[in-house]
Amino acid sequence: MSNMGVATKEQLTYIDNTVYSPKSAPLVARSLFSSINVGQDSVAYRYRVRSGNAMAQAYVNRATDIPVVDEGFKEYETPITQSALACSYSWLELARAQAANVDLLSDQAQLVARGMAEREDRIIFNGLDTGSDSTSIIGLTNTHTDITGFQQIDMAQNGKTLDDYAADTEDGPLAMRNFFQDAVGRITHLVGYASAQPVLLLPQAQIDLLNRPINKYNPQITVLSLIQPWFSSIQAVPELEGQYWHARNASIADRQKNMGIICLTDPDICAIPDAMLLTRLQQEYHDGVTKIPYVERHGGLAVRYPSAFVQLLNINNATK
């Protein structure tokens, strides 16, 4: 005889109808850099940078050696890469989602957009190595200055990192502030950019260090508040963590070395070559499963004035 006075576990279980989604890392490339339409069928984006020399000199009557201006162009090229990702669901999966009040199509479309944007961020910051120069894309974390033309400041040459400055509660905050002042000078000392306010990009761990008070007597003043007027924005970029930008075969210590970047983002300095924005292709149906493919084509980030990018190297202490 069953005991009618005892409730089952199922009866005592509260079912939450809300579907929760985990937080994801911020994507910043599209918010930082402008884009340029290069044509849907393009396989590369080629651009020219003007160079010129105009040196006047003293002139005397009837002189014949009057100097002339010298103007030239240098061509650069970045290949276009293609990304693809698809939504996929069966009729039964769609029916079950509808029964649970879940918009399966909308959720999968958002995942597609997220996945495409993540690959885009990875390529813009960390590049695309295909093993061929004609299809590889140079990223902003590439440290070969003979290839990129970027400026660099290596904190290892000073013997102290941002971590070391943060640990020194007496003189560290001021030293950290002075370091960023010198780094900004690499941009503002460029001809024509004396009043420029660049962007500061750092991993979140280093931004946290900037948020500490300069001393116990002025807890309301942080290093971040001191350097903020020099920058148009200060943003966290996960791709600048060593685990993402270092080569896969790098040592464990190297994979823990983070990087910072100070740069200008004006459209004439750099832009994302867009051959095809995220585009939905014709859906496919086979054996009860619907697939909706999406494609996107772009060329990473074309940097026309590489001196406007300053890489900050060895900014943290890496454990062995």
C-alpha atoms as a PDB file:
ATOM      1  CA  MET A   1       0.000   0.000   0.000  1.00  0.00           C
ATOM      2  CA  SER A   2       1.531   3.359  -1.064  1.00  0.00           C
ATOM      3  CA  ASN A   3       2.126   6.146   1.427  1.00  0.00           C
ATOM      4  CA  MET A   4       0.055   9.049   0.077  1.00  0.00           C
ATOM      5  CA  GLY A   5       1.442  11.454   2.684  1.00  0.00           C
ATOM      6  CA  VAL A   6       5.035  11.482   1.329  1.00  0.00           C
ATOM      7  CA  ALA A   7       5.912  13.908  -1.479  1.00  0.00           C
ATOM      8  CA  THR A   8       8.275  12.817  -4.252  1.00  0.00           C
ATOM      9  CA  LYS A   9      11.566  14.546  -5.041  1.00  0.00           C
ATOM     10  CA  GLU A  10      10.074  15.689  -8.342  1.00  0.00           C
ATOM     11  CA  GLN A  11       7.191  17.376  -6.545  1.00  0.00           C
ATOM     12  CA  LEU A  12       9.587  19.183  -4.201  1.00  0.00           C
ATOM     13  CA  THR A  13      11.882  20.383  -7.009  1.00  0.00           C
ATOM     14  CA  TYR A  14      11.387  23.954  -8.184  1.00  0.00           C
ATOM     15  CA  ILE A  15      11.943  24.353 -11.924  1.00  0.00           C
ATOM     16  CA  ASP A  16      13.394  27.724 -12.916  1.00  0.00           C
ATOM     17  CA  ASN A  17      12.145  28.687 -16.384  1.00  0.00           C
ATOM     18  CA  THR A  18      14.948  31.200 -16.891  1.00  0.00           C
ATOM     19  CA  VAL A  19      17.790  30.054 -19.151  1.00  0.00           C
ATOM     20  CA  TYR A  20      21.048  31.486 -17.857  1.00  0.00           C
ATOM     21  CA  SER A  21      24.017  32.319 -20.075  1.00  0.00           C
ATOM     22  CA  PRO A  22      27.650  32.559 -18.902  1.00  0.00           C
ATOM     23  CA  LYS A  23      29.530  35.816 -19.296  1.00  0.00           C
ATOM     24  CA  SER A  24      31.993  36.058 -22.168  1.00  0.00           C
ATOM     25  CA  ALA A  25      35.178  38.037 -22.728  1.00  0.00           C
ATOM     26  CA  PRO A  26      34.794  41.516 -24.245  1.00  0.00           C
ATOM     27  CA  LEU A  27      35.418  41.976 -27.965  1.00  0.00           C
ATOM     28  CA  VAL A  28      37.034  45.302 -28.700  1.00  0.00           C
ATOM     29  CA  ALA A  29      38.453  45.358 -32.244  1.00  0.00           C
ATOM     30  CA  ARG A  30      35.319  46.672 -33.961  1.00  0.00           C
ATOM     31  CA  SER A  31      34.791  49.307 -31.271  1.00  0.00           C
ATOM     32  CA  LEU A  32      38.384  50.526 -31.600  1.00  0.00           C
ATOM     33  CA  PHE A  33      39.075  50.493 -35.312  1.00  0.00           C
ATOM     34  CA  SER A  34      37.127  51.767 -38.299  1.00  0.00           C
ATOM     35  CA  SER A  35      36.651  49.708 -41.456  1.00  0.00           C
ATOM     36  CA  ILE A  36      36.984  50.181 -45.191  1.00  0.00           C
ATOM     37  CA  ASN A  37      34.993  48.358 -47.868  1.00  0.00           C
ATOM     38  CA  VAL A  38      37.382  46.648 -50.283  1.00  0.00           C
ATOM     39  CA  GLY A  39      34.941  44.700 -52.467  1.00  0.00           C
ATOM     40  CA  GLN A  40      33.334  41.322 -51.930  1.00  0.00           C
ATOM     41  CA  ASP A  41      35.566  39.396 -54.355  1.00  0.00           C
ATOM     42  CA  SER A  42      38.894  40.841 -53.193  1.00  0.00           C
ATOM     43  CA  VAL A  43      41.609  38.400 -52.148  1.00  0.00           C
ATOM     44  CA  ALA A  44      43.913  41.125 -50.767  1.00  0.00           C
ATOM     45  CA  TYR A  45      43.928  44.783 -49.798  1.00  0.00           C
ATOM     46  CA  ARG A  46      46.802  46.827 -51.205  1.00  0.00           C
ATOM     47  CA  TYR A  47      47.456  50.386 -50.113  1.00  0.00           C
ATOM     48  CA  ARG A  48      50.123  52.993 -50.722  1.00  0.00           C
ATOM     49  CA  VAL A  49      51.857  55.236 -48.221  1.00  0.00           C
ATOM     50  CA  ARG A  50      53.338  58.478 -49.464  1.00  0.00           C
ATOM     51  CA  SER A  51      56.886  59.480 -48.616  1.00  0.00           C
ATOM     52  CA  GLY A  52      58.510  62.774 -49.485  1.00  0.00           C
ATOM     53  CA  ASN A  53      61.572  64.868 -48.966  1.00  0.00           C
ATOM     54  CA  ALA A  54      61.704  68.648 -49.411  1.00  0.00           C
ATOM     55  CA  MET A  55      64.951  70.265 -48.361  1.00  0.00           C
ATOM     56  CA  ALA A  56      65.409  73.900 -49.394  1.00  0.00           C
ATOM     57  CA  GLN A  57      68.824  75.500 -49.368  1.00  0.00           C
ATOM     58  CA  ALA A  58      70.382  78.926 -49.755  1.00  0.00           C
ATOM     59  CA  TYR A  59      70.173  80.389 -53.232  1.00  0.00           C
ATOM     60  CA  VAL A  60      72.456  82.839 -55.026  1.00  0.00           C
ATOM     61  CA  ASN A  61      71.747  84.596 -58.297  1.00  0.00           C
ATOM     62  CA  ARG A  62      72.150  82.373 -61.400  1.00  0.00           C
ATOM     63  CA  ALA A  63      72.709  79.266 -59.342  1.00  0.00           C
ATOM     64  CA  THR A  64      72.019  76.060 -61.295  1.00  0.00           C
ATOM     65  CA  ASP A  65      71.996  73.487 -58.519  1.00  0.00           C
ATOM     66  CA  ILE A  66      68.528  74.251 -57.152  1.00  0.00           C
ATOM     67  CA  PRO A  67      67.287  71.200 -55.187  1.00  0.00           C
ATOM     68  CA  VAL A  68      64.006  69.537 -56.097  1.00  0.00           C
ATOM     69  CA  VAL A  69      61.430  67.810 -53.974  1.00  0.00           C
ATOM     70  CA  ASP A  70      61.508  64.029 -53.872  1.00  0.00           C
ATOM     71  CA  GLU A  71      58.213  62.186 -53.584  1.00  0.00           C
ATOM     72  CA  GLY A  72      57.493  58.478 -53.703  1.00  0.00           C
ATOM     73  CA  PHE A  73      55.034  55.782 -52.693  1.00  0.00           C
ATOM     74  CA  LYS A  74      55.536  52.489 -50.903  1.00  0.00           C
ATOM     75  CA  GLU A  75      53.005  49.698 -51.390  1.00  0.00           C
ATOM     76  CA  TYR A  76      51.764  47.353 -48.682  1.00  0.00           C
ATOM     77  CA  GLU A  77      49.383  44.434 -48.909  1.00  0.00           C
ATOM     78  CA  THR A  78      47.339  42.363 -46.487  1.00  0.00           C
ATOM     79  CA  PRO A  79      45.478  39.213 -47.573  1.00  0.00           C
ATOM     80  CA  ILE A  80      41.751  38.675 -47.053  1.00  0.00           C
ATOM     81  CA  THR A  81      40.770  35.718 -44.887  1.00  0.00           C
ATOM     82  CA  GLN A  82      37.365  34.044 -44.794  1.00  0.00           C
ATOM     83  CA  SER A  83      35.520  32.837 -41.705  1.00  0.00           C
ATOM     84  CA  ALA A  84      32.545  30.473 -41.691  1.00  0.00           C
ATOM     85  CA  LEU A  85      30.183  29.191 -39.007  1.00  0.00           C
ATOM     86  CA  ALA A  86      26.714  27.680 -39.178  1.00  0.00           C
ATOM     87  CA  CYS A  87      23.550  27.215 -37.139  1.00  0.00           C
ATOM     88  CA  SER A  88      22.321  23.643 -37.073  1.00  0.00           C
ATOM     89  CA  TYR A  89      19.207  22.065 -35.585  1.00  0.00           C
ATOM     90  CA  SER A  90      16.801  19.185 -36.122  1.00  0.00           C
ATOM     91  CA  TRP A  91      13.025  19.437 -36.142  1.00  0.00           C
ATOM     92  CA  LEU A  92      12.922  17.701 -32.753  1.00  0.00           C
ATOM     93  CA  GLU A  93      15.453  20.104 -31.208  1.00  0.00           C
ATOM     94  CA  LEU A  94      13.432  23.032 -32.507  1.00  0.00           C
ATOM     95  CA  ALA A  95      10.194  21.595 -31.102  1.00  0.00           C
ATOM     96  CA  ARG A  96      11.727  20.956 -27.697  1.00  0.00           C
ATOM     97  CA  ALA A  97      13.161  24.484 -27.580  1.00  0.00           C
ATOM     98  CA  GLN A  98       9.780  25.986 -28.423  1.00  0.00           C
ATOM     99  CA  ALA A  99       8.165  23.900 -25.674  1.00  0.00           C
ATOM    100  CA  ALA A 100      10.686  25.334 -23.212  1.00  0.00           C
ATOM    101  CA  ASN A 101      10.114  28.904 -24.477  1.00  0.00           C
ATOM    102  CA  VAL A 102      13.653  29.053 -25.852  1.00  0.00           C
ATOM    103  CA  ASP A 103      14.288  30.943 -29.090  1.00  0.00           C
ATOM    104  CA  LEU A 104      16.729  28.420 -30.526  1.00  0.00           C
ATOM    105  CA  LEU A 105      17.225  30.225 -33.835  1.00  0.00           C
ATOM    106  CA  SER A 106      17.992  33.557 -32.176  1.00  0.00           C
ATOM    107  CA  ASP A 107      20.339  31.948 -29.641  1.00  0.00           C
ATOM    108  CA  GLN A 108      22.302  30.122 -32.324  1.00  0.00           C
ATOM    109  CA  ALA A 109      22.517  33.240 -34.492  1.00  0.00           C
ATOM    110  CA  GLN A 110      23.998  35.143 -31.537  1.00  0.00           C
ATOM    111  CA  LEU A 111      26.525  32.339 -31.015  1.00  0.00           C
ATOM    112  CA  VAL A 112      27.502  32.547 -34.681  1.00  0.00           C
ATOM    113  CA  ALA A 113      28.041  36.305 -34.428  1.00  0.00           C
ATOM    114  CA  ARG A 114      30.063  35.798 -31.247  1.00  0.00           C
ATOM    115  CA  GLY A 115      32.228  33.068 -32.772  1.00  0.00           C
ATOM    116  CA  MET A 116      32.963  35.144 -35.875  1.00  0.00           C
ATOM    117  CA  ALA A 117      33.838  38.235 -33.806  1.00  0.00           C
ATOM    118  CA  GLU A 118      36.154  36.189 -31.567  1.00  0.00           C
ATOM    119  CA  ARG A 119      38.122  34.954 -34.600  1.00  0.00           C
ATOM    120  CA  GLU A 120      38.249  38.505 -35.907  1.00  0.00           C
ATOM    121  CA  ASP A 121      39.702  39.784 -32.620  1.00  0.00           C
ATOM    122  CA  ARG A 122      42.252  36.958 -32.567  1.00  0.00           C
ATOM    123  CA  ILE A 123      43.430  37.768 -36.088  1.00  0.00           C
ATOM    124  CA  ILE A 124      43.592  41.547 -35.573  1.00  0.00           C
ATOM    125  CA  PHE A 125      45.580  41.280 -32.345  1.00  0.00           C
ATOM    126  CA  ASN A 126      47.483  38.007 -32.727  1.00  0.00           C
ATOM    127  CA  GLY A 127      47.596  37.564 -36.488  1.00  0.00           C
ATOM    128  CA  LEU A 128      46.970  34.557 -38.719  1.00  0.00           C
ATOM    129  CA  ASP A 129      49.869  32.217 -39.462  1.00  0.00           C
ATOM    130  CA  THR A 130      49.045  29.987 -42.418  1.00  0.00           C
ATOM    131  CA  GLY A 131      52.629  29.054 -43.185  1.00  0.00           C
ATOM    132  CA  SER A 132      52.601  31.212 -46.318  1.00  0.00           C
ATOM    133  CA  ASP A 133      53.493  34.904 -46.559  1.00  0.00           C
ATOM    134  CA  SER A 134      50.815  35.434 -49.204  1.00  0.00           C
ATOM    135  CA  THR A 135      47.964  34.353 -46.897  1.00  0.00           C
ATOM    136  CA  SER A 136      49.319  35.148 -43.413  1.00  0.00           C
ATOM    137  CA  ILE A 137      48.087  38.265 -41.598  1.00  0.00           C
ATOM    138  CA  ILE A 138      50.286  40.283 -39.244  1.00  0.00           C
ATOM    139  CA  GLY A 139      48.749  40.969 -35.826  1.00  0.00           C
ATOM    140  CA  LEU A 140      49.306  43.856 -33.439  1.00  0.00           C
ATOM    141  CA  THR A 141      51.228  41.616 -31.011  1.00  0.00           C
ATOM    142  CA  ASN A 142      53.845  40.658 -33.608  1.00  0.00           C
ATOM    143  CA  THR A 143      57.169  41.645 -32.024  1.00  0.00           C
ATOM    144  CA  HIS A 144      59.280  41.546 -35.194  1.00  0.00           C
ATOM    145  CA  THR A 145      59.698  45.287 -35.693  1.00  0.00           C
ATOM    146  CA  ASP A 146      61.593  44.757 -38.947  1.00  0.00           C
ATOM    147  CA  ILE A 147      58.306  43.425 -40.329  1.00  0.00           C
ATOM    148  CA  THR A 148      55.753  45.575 -38.514  1.00  0.00           C
ATOM    149  CA  GLY A 149      57.497  48.915 -38.015  1.00  0.00           C
ATOM    150  CA  PHE A 150      55.896  49.215 -34.561  1.00  0.00           C
ATOM    151  CA  GLN A 151      57.670  50.988 -31.724  1.00  0.00           C
ATOM    152  CA  GLN A 152      58.557  49.039 -28.592  1.00  0.00           C
ATOM    153  CA  ILE A 153      59.302  49.702 -24.932  1.00  0.00           C
ATOM    154  CA  ASP A 154      60.738  46.713 -23.091  1.00  0.00           C
ATOM    155  CA  MET A 155      60.345  47.005 -19.320  1.00  0.00           C
ATOM    156  CA  ALA A 156      62.930  44.242 -18.887  1.00  0.00           C
ATOM    157  CA  GLN A 157      65.573  46.818 -19.808  1.00  0.00           C
ATOM    158  CA  ASN A 158      64.642  48.836 -16.711  1.00  0.00           C
ATOM    159  CA  GLY A 159      64.710  45.754 -14.503  1.00  0.00           C
ATOM    160  CA  LYS A 160      61.211  46.418 -13.137  1.00  0.00           C
ATOM    161  CA  THR A 161      57.717  45.518 -14.286  1.00  0.00           C
ATOM    162  CA  LEU A 162      54.327  46.994 -13.453  1.00  0.00           C
ATOM    163  CA  ASP A 163      54.022  44.252 -10.830  1.00  0.00           C
ATOM    164  CA  ASP A 164      57.252  45.458  -9.202  1.00  0.00           C
ATOM    165  CA  TYR A 165      56.033  49.063  -9.207  1.00  0.00           C
ATOM    166  CA  ALA A 166      52.734  47.997  -7.627  1.00  0.00           C
ATOM    167  CA  ALA A 167      54.584  46.108  -4.881  1.00  0.00           C
ATOM    168  CA  ASP A 168      56.606  49.221  -4.024  1.00  0.00           C
ATOM    169  CA  THR A 169      53.990  51.246  -2.155  1.00  0.00           C
ATOM    170  CA  GLU A 170      56.472  54.079  -1.495  1.00  0.00           C
ATOM    171  CA  ASP A 171      57.907  55.006  -4.892  1.00  0.00           C
ATOM    172  CA  GLY A 172      56.190  52.532  -7.200  1.00  0.00           C
ATOM    173  CA  PRO A 173      53.027  54.485  -8.090  1.00  0.00           C
ATOM    174  CA  LEU A 174      54.980  57.563  -9.201  1.00  0.00           C
ATOM    175  CA  ALA A 175      57.403  55.384 -11.184  1.00  0.00           C
ATOM    176  CA  MET A 176      54.439  53.700 -12.874  1.00  0.00           C
ATOM    177  CA  ARG A 177      52.922  57.071 -13.710  1.00  0.00           C
ATOM    178  CA  ASN A 178      56.243  58.278 -15.175  1.00  0.00           C
ATOM    179  CA  PHE A 179      56.567  55.095 -17.242  1.00  0.00           C
ATOM    180  CA  PHE A 180      53.250  55.748 -18.968  1.00  0.00           C
ATOM    181  CA  GLN A 181      54.121  59.417 -19.463  1.00  0.00           C
ATOM    182  CA  ASP A 182      57.287  58.383 -21.312  1.00  0.00           C
ATOM    183  CA  ALA A 183      55.340  55.806 -23.301  1.00  0.00           C
ATOM    184  CA  VAL A 184      52.730  58.348 -24.398  1.00  0.00           C
ATOM    185  CA  GLY A 185      55.605  60.573 -25.492  1.00  0.00           C
ATOM    186  CA  ARG A 186      56.457  57.988 -28.148  1.00  0.00           C
ATOM    187  CA  ILE A 187      53.175  59.022 -29.814  1.00  0.00           C
ATOM    188  CA  THR A 188      52.981  62.733 -29.022  1.00  0.00           C
ATOM    189  CA  HIS A 189      56.562  63.305 -30.199  1.00  0.00           C
ATOM    190  CA  LEU A 190      55.637  62.117 -33.685  1.00  0.00           C
ATOM    191  CA  VAL A 191      55.407  64.983 -36.158  1.00  0.00           C
ATOM    192  CA  GLY A 192      51.851  66.317 -36.249  1.00  0.00           C
ATOM    193  CA  TYR A 193      50.601  64.435 -33.175  1.00  0.00           C
ATOM    194  CA  ALA A 194      51.709  66.636 -30.280  1.00  0.00           C
ATOM    195  CA  SER A 195      48.156  66.947 -28.933  1.00  0.00           C
ATOM    196  CA  ALA A 196      47.034  63.393 -29.762  1.00  0.00           C
ATOM    197  CA  GLN A 197      45.335  61.240 -27.158  1.00  0.00           C
ATOM    198  CA  PRO A 198      46.080  57.591 -27.944  1.00  0.00           C
ATOM    199  CA  VAL A 199      44.316  54.488 -26.674  1.00  0.00           C
ATOM    200  CA  LEU A 200      45.857  52.351 -23.931  1.00  0.00           C
ATOM    201  CA  LEU A 201      45.182  48.621 -24.260  1.00  0.00           C
ATOM    202  CA  LEU A 202      46.123  46.261 -21.419  1.00  0.00           C
ATOM    203  CA  PRO A 203      45.124  42.895 -19.984  1.00  0.00           C
ATOM    204  CA  GLN A 204      42.657  43.224 -17.121  1.00  0.00           C
ATOM    205  CA  ALA A 205      45.283  42.223 -14.533  1.00  0.00           C
ATOM    206  CA  GLN A 206      47.425  45.256 -15.379  1.00  0.00           C
ATOM    207  CA  ILE A 207      44.431  47.616 -15.351  1.00  0.00           C
ATOM    208  CA  ASP A 208      43.699  46.343 -11.844  1.00  0.00           C
ATOM    209  CA  LEU A 209      47.202  47.448 -10.793  1.00  0.00           C
ATOM    210  CA  LEU A 210      46.504  50.962 -12.077  1.00  0.00           C
ATOM    211  CA  ASN A 211      43.409  51.163  -9.890  1.00  0.00           C
ATOM    212  CA  ARG A 212      45.393  50.988  -6.656  1.00  0.00           C
ATOM    213  CA  PRO A 213      45.841  54.166  -4.551  1.00  0.00           C
ATOM    214  CA  ILE A 214      49.150  55.998  -4.943  1.00  0.00           C
ATOM    215  CA  ASN A 215      49.593  55.902  -1.148  1.00  0.00           C
ATOM    216  CA  LYS A 216      47.650  55.371   2.052  1.00  0.00           C
ATOM    217  CA  TYR A 217      47.306  59.104   2.604  1.00  0.00           C
ATOM    218  CA  ASN A 218      45.467  59.693  -0.678  1.00  0.00           C
ATOM    219  CA  PRO A 219      43.313  56.598  -1.268  1.00  0.00           C
ATOM    220  CA  GLN A 220      41.088  58.546  -3.646  1.00  0.00           C
ATOM    221  CA  ILE A 221      43.988  59.127  -6.086  1.00  0.00           C
ATOM    222  CA  THR A 222      45.045  56.167  -8.225  1.00  0.00           C
ATOM    223  CA  VAL A 223      47.656  55.759 -10.950  1.00  0.00           C
ATOM    224  CA  LEU A 224      44.752  55.314 -13.349  1.00  0.00           C
ATOM    225  CA  SER A 225      43.327  58.711 -12.439  1.00  0.00           C
ATOM    226  CA  LEU A 226      46.742  60.310 -12.950  1.00  0.00           C
ATOM    227  CA  ILE A 227      47.331  58.902 -16.437  1.00  0.00           C
ATOM    228  CA  GLN A 228      43.733  58.964 -17.708  1.00  0.00           C
ATOM    229  CA  PRO A 229      43.943  62.532 -19.125  1.00  0.00           C
ATOM    230  CA  TRP A 230      46.653  61.383 -21.537  1.00  0.00           C
ATOM    231  CA  PHE A 231      44.455  58.741 -23.190  1.00  0.00           C
ATOM    232  CA  SER A 232      41.194  58.854 -25.113  1.00  0.00           C
ATOM    233  CA  SER A 233      40.304  55.509 -23.526  1.00  0.00           C
ATOM    234  CA  ILE A 234      41.855  52.707 -21.475  1.00  0.00           C
ATOM    235  CA  GLN A 235      40.499  49.276 -22.324  1.00  0.00           C
ATOM    236  CA  ALA A 236      41.022  45.671 -21.282  1.00  0.00           C
ATOM    237  CA  VAL A 237      41.950  43.313 -24.122  1.00  0.00           C
ATOM    238  CA  PRO A 238      42.126  39.585 -23.282  1.00  0.00           C
ATOM    239  CA  GLU A 239      44.147  38.846 -26.436  1.00  0.00           C
ATOM    240  CA  LEU A 240      47.092  40.737 -24.931  1.00  0.00           C
ATOM    241  CA  GLU A 241      47.554  38.079 -22.261  1.00  0.00           C
ATOM    242  CA  GLY A 242      50.653  35.989 -22.901  1.00  0.00           C
ATOM    243  CA  GLN A 243      48.675  32.760 -23.110  1.00  0.00           C
ATOM    244  CA  TYR A 244      47.014  34.068 -26.290  1.00  0.00           C
ATOM    245  CA  TRP A 245      49.610  36.107 -28.156  1.00  0.00           C
ATOM    246  CA  HIS A 246      52.708  33.972 -27.620  1.00  0.00           C
ATOM    247  CA  ALA A 247      53.503  31.157 -30.041  1.00  0.00           C
ATOM    248  CA  ARG A 248      52.145  27.773 -29.052  1.00  0.00           C
ATOM    249  CA  ASN A 249      55.642  26.339 -28.744  1.00  0.00           C
ATOM    250  CA  ALA A 250      56.794  29.129 -26.421  1.00  0.00           C
ATOM    251  CA  SER A 251      58.035  28.305 -22.934  1.00  0.00           C
ATOM    252  CA  ILE A 252      55.633  28.345 -20.018  1.00  0.00           C
ATOM    253  CA  ALA A 253      57.291  31.528 -18.713  1.00  0.00           C
ATOM    254  CA  ASP A 254      56.897  33.282 -22.074  1.00  0.00           C
ATOM    255  CA  ARG A 255      53.238  32.314 -22.269  1.00  0.00           C
ATOM    256  CA  GLN A 256      52.731  34.202 -19.015  1.00  0.00           C
ATOM    257  CA  LYS A 257      54.228  37.448 -20.322  1.00  0.00           C
ATOM    258  CA  ASN A 258      51.527  39.998 -21.038  1.00  0.00           C
ATOM    259  CA  MET A 259      51.723  42.915 -23.443  1.00  0.00           C
ATOM    260  CA  GLY A 260      50.307  46.423 -23.534  1.00  0.00           C
ATOM    261  CA  ILE A 261      49.697  48.571 -26.608  1.00  0.00           C
ATOM    262  CA  ILE A 262      49.461  52.352 -26.934  1.00  0.00           C
ATOM    263  CA  CYS A 263      48.129  53.419 -30.304  1.00  0.00           C
ATOM    264  CA  LEU A 264      46.215  55.909 -32.386  1.00  0.00           C
ATOM    265  CA  THR A 265      43.095  54.612 -34.110  1.00  0.00           C
ATOM    266  CA  ASP A 266      42.336  57.350 -36.647  1.00  0.00           C
ATOM    267  CA  PRO A 267      40.926  55.970 -39.942  1.00  0.00           C
ATOM    268  CA  ASP A 268      43.901  57.282 -41.909  1.00  0.00           C
ATOM    269  CA  ILE A 269      46.302  55.444 -39.570  1.00  0.00           C
ATOM    270  CA  CYS A 270      44.642  52.025 -39.568  1.00  0.00           C
ATOM    271  CA  ALA A 271      41.445  50.310 -40.691  1.00  0.00           C
ATOM    272  CA  ILE A 272      39.868  46.870 -41.028  1.00  0.00           C
ATOM    273  CA  PRO A 273      39.568  45.889 -44.725  1.00  0.00           C
ATOM    274  CA  ASP A 274      36.062  44.452 -45.025  1.00  0.00           C
ATOM    275  CA  ALA A 275      35.412  42.361 -48.117  1.00  0.00           C
ATOM    276  CA  MET A 276      32.175  40.862 -46.776  1.00  0.00           C
ATOM    277  CA  LEU A 277      30.423  41.588 -43.505  1.00  0.00           C
ATOM    278  CA  LEU A 278      28.721  38.743 -41.667  1.00  0.00           C
ATOM    279  CA  THR A 279      26.408  37.311 -44.332  1.00  0.00           C
ATOM    280  CA  ARG A 280      23.800  34.552 -44.112  1.00  0.00           C
ATOM    281  CA  LEU A 281      23.919  32.066 -46.970  1.00  0.00           C
ATOM    282  CA  GLN A 282      21.121  29.860 -48.264  1.00  0.00           C
ATOM    283  CA  GLN A 283      20.015  27.338 -45.687  1.00  0.00           C
ATOM    284  CA  GLU A 284      20.462  23.623 -46.276  1.00  0.00           C
ATOM    285  CA  TYR A 285      18.151  20.760 -45.263  1.00  0.00           C
ATOM    286  CA  HIS A 286      19.245  17.128 -45.149  1.00  0.00           C
ATOM    287  CA  ASP A 287      18.003  14.104 -43.199  1.00  0.00           C
ATOM    288  CA  GLY A 288      15.792  16.184 -40.941  1.00  0.00           C
ATOM    289  CA  VAL A 289      18.533  18.656 -40.013  1.00  0.00           C
ATOM    290  CA  THR A 290      18.573  22.309 -41.036  1.00  0.00           C
ATOM    291  CA  LYS A 291      21.905  24.105 -41.427  1.00  0.00           C
ATOM    292  CA  ILE A 292      22.234  27.878 -41.944  1.00  0.00           C
ATOM    293  CA  PRO A 293      25.808  28.870 -42.884  1.00  0.00           C
ATOM    294  CA  TYR A 294      27.280  32.334 -42.318  1.00  0.00           C
ATOM    295  CA  VAL A 295      30.483  33.737 -43.829  1.00  0.00           C
ATOM    296  CA  GLU A 296      32.616  36.810 -43.271  1.00  0.00           C
ATOM    297  CA  ARG A 297      35.693  38.082 -45.144  1.00  0.00           C
ATOM    298  CA  HIS A 298      38.198  40.644 -43.847  1.00  0.00           C
ATOM    299  CA  GLY A 299      41.923  41.408 -43.850  1.00  0.00           C
ATOM    300  CA  GLY A 300      42.770  41.849 -40.175  1.00  0.00           C
ATOM    301  CA  LEU A 301      43.998  45.384 -39.497  1.00  0.00           C
ATOM    302  CA  ALA A 302      45.812  47.370 -42.183  1.00  0.00           C
ATOM    303  CA  VAL A 303      48.254  49.693 -40.385  1.00  0.00           C
ATOM    304  CA  ARG A 304      49.312  52.566 -42.618  1.00  0.00           C
ATOM    305  CA  TYR A 305      51.371  54.424 -40.001  1.00  0.00           C
ATOM    306  CA  PRO A 306      53.059  51.759 -37.826  1.00  0.00           C
ATOM    307  CA  SER A 307      54.965  54.321 -35.736  1.00  0.00           C
ATOM    308  CA  ALA A 308      51.608  55.198 -34.161  1.00  0.00           C
ATOM    309  CA  PHE A 309      51.652  51.800 -32.396  1.00  0.00           C
ATOM    310  CA  VAL A 310      53.825  51.248 -29.307  1.00  0.00           C
ATOM    311  CA  GLN A 311      54.140  47.771 -27.826  1.00  0.00           C
ATOM    312  CA  LEU A 312      54.794  47.550 -24.074  1.00  0.00           C
ATOM    313  CA  LEU A 313      56.739  44.345 -23.426  1.00  0.00           C
ATOM    314  CA  ASN A 314      57.488  42.398 -20.223  1.00  0.00           C
ATOM    315  CA  ILE A 315      54.976  44.392 -18.197  1.00  0.00           C
ATOM    316  CA  ASN A 316      54.372  41.626 -15.632  1.00  0.00           C
ATOM    317  CA  ASN A 317      56.362  39.052 -13.681  1.00  0.00           C
ATOM    318  CA  ALA A 318      56.132  35.619 -15.252  1.00  0.00           C
ATOM    319  CA  THR A 319      56.624  32.578 -13.038  1.00  0.00           C
ATOM    320  CA  LYS A 320      58.950  29.847 -14.256  1.00  0.00           C
END
